[in-house]
């Protein structure tokens, strides 16, 4: 009963503003850029390794 009475005195709830952290956003952009560069470098290395593997394979086929 006391709880029901207390509910009448409760005020209305308000939403909070969204928090925007420019430093965190900038750091996220920097990190994403670094990851893209690293991924591009890894892909380039894989392509070069594959080309080298093809070259070795073709040399082996010629000698057989």
Protein backbone atom coordinates (compact mmCIF):
# COMPACT_ATOMS: atom_id res chain seq x y z
CA UNK A 1 0.00 0.00 0.00
CA UNK A 2 2.85 2.36 0.90
CA UNK A 3 4.55 1.53 -2.44
CA UNK A 4 1.36 2.42 -4.35
CA UNK A 5 1.16 5.77 -2.55
CA UNK A 6 4.84 6.49 -3.34
CA UNK A 7 4.16 5.96 -7.05
CA UNK A 8 1.94 9.05 -7.06
CA UNK A 9 4.89 11.25 -6.07
CA UNK A 10 7.28 10.00 -8.73
CA UNK A 11 8.23 12.64 -11.30
CA UNK A 12 8.45 12.08 -15.01
CA UNK A 13 11.60 10.58 -16.49
CA UNK A 14 13.68 12.45 -19.07
CA UNK A 15 16.11 10.95 -21.53
CA UNK A 16 19.75 11.97 -21.43
CA UNK A 17 21.61 13.59 -24.30
CA UNK A 18 23.83 11.42 -26.45
CA UNK A 19 27.52 11.72 -25.59
CA UNK A 20 29.88 12.66 -28.43
CA UNK A 21 33.59 12.17 -27.83
CA UNK A 22 35.58 13.72 -30.70
CA UNK A 23 38.91 12.37 -29.42
CA UNK A 24 37.55 8.82 -29.39
CA UNK A 25 36.08 9.30 -32.87
CA UNK A 26 39.42 10.59 -34.20
CA UNK A 27 41.30 7.67 -32.62
CA UNK A 28 38.81 5.24 -34.16
CA UNK A 29 39.42 6.76 -37.60
CA UNK A 30 43.20 6.53 -37.14
CA UNK A 31 42.96 2.90 -36.03
CA UNK A 32 40.69 2.00 -38.94
CA UNK A 33 43.07 3.65 -41.40
CA UNK A 34 46.02 1.71 -39.95
CA UNK A 35 44.05 -1.54 -40.23
CA UNK A 36 43.21 -0.81 -43.88
CA UNK A 37 46.88 -0.12 -44.68
CA UNK A 38 47.94 -3.31 -42.91
CA UNK A 39 45.28 -5.36 -44.70
CA UNK A 40 46.34 -3.91 -48.06
CA UNK A 41 49.96 -4.74 -47.32
CA UNK A 42 49.02 -8.29 -46.33
CA UNK A 43 46.98 -8.74 -49.52
CA UNK A 44 49.87 -7.41 -51.61
CA UNK A 45 52.28 -9.84 -49.94
CA UNK A 46 49.91 -12.74 -50.57
CA UNK A 47 49.65 -11.83 -54.26
CA UNK A 48 53.44 -11.60 -54.57
CA UNK A 49 53.85 -14.95 -52.81
CA UNK A 50 51.29 -16.53 -55.12
CA UNK A 51 53.07 -15.15 -58.19
CA UNK A 52 56.34 -16.57 -56.92
CA UNK A 53 54.68 -19.94 -56.33
CA UNK A 54 53.31 -19.93 -59.89
CA UNK A 55 56.77 -19.08 -61.23
CA UNK A 56 58.37 -21.96 -59.29
CA UNK A 57 55.63 -24.33 -60.45
CA UNK A 58 56.11 -23.33 -64.09
CA UNK A 59 59.88 -23.85 -63.80
CA UNK A 60 59.28 -27.31 -62.36
CA UNK A 61 56.88 -28.20 -65.16
CA UNK A 62 59.45 -27.19 -67.80
CA UNK A 63 62.10 -29.48 -66.29
CA UNK A 64 59.87 -32.54 -66.17
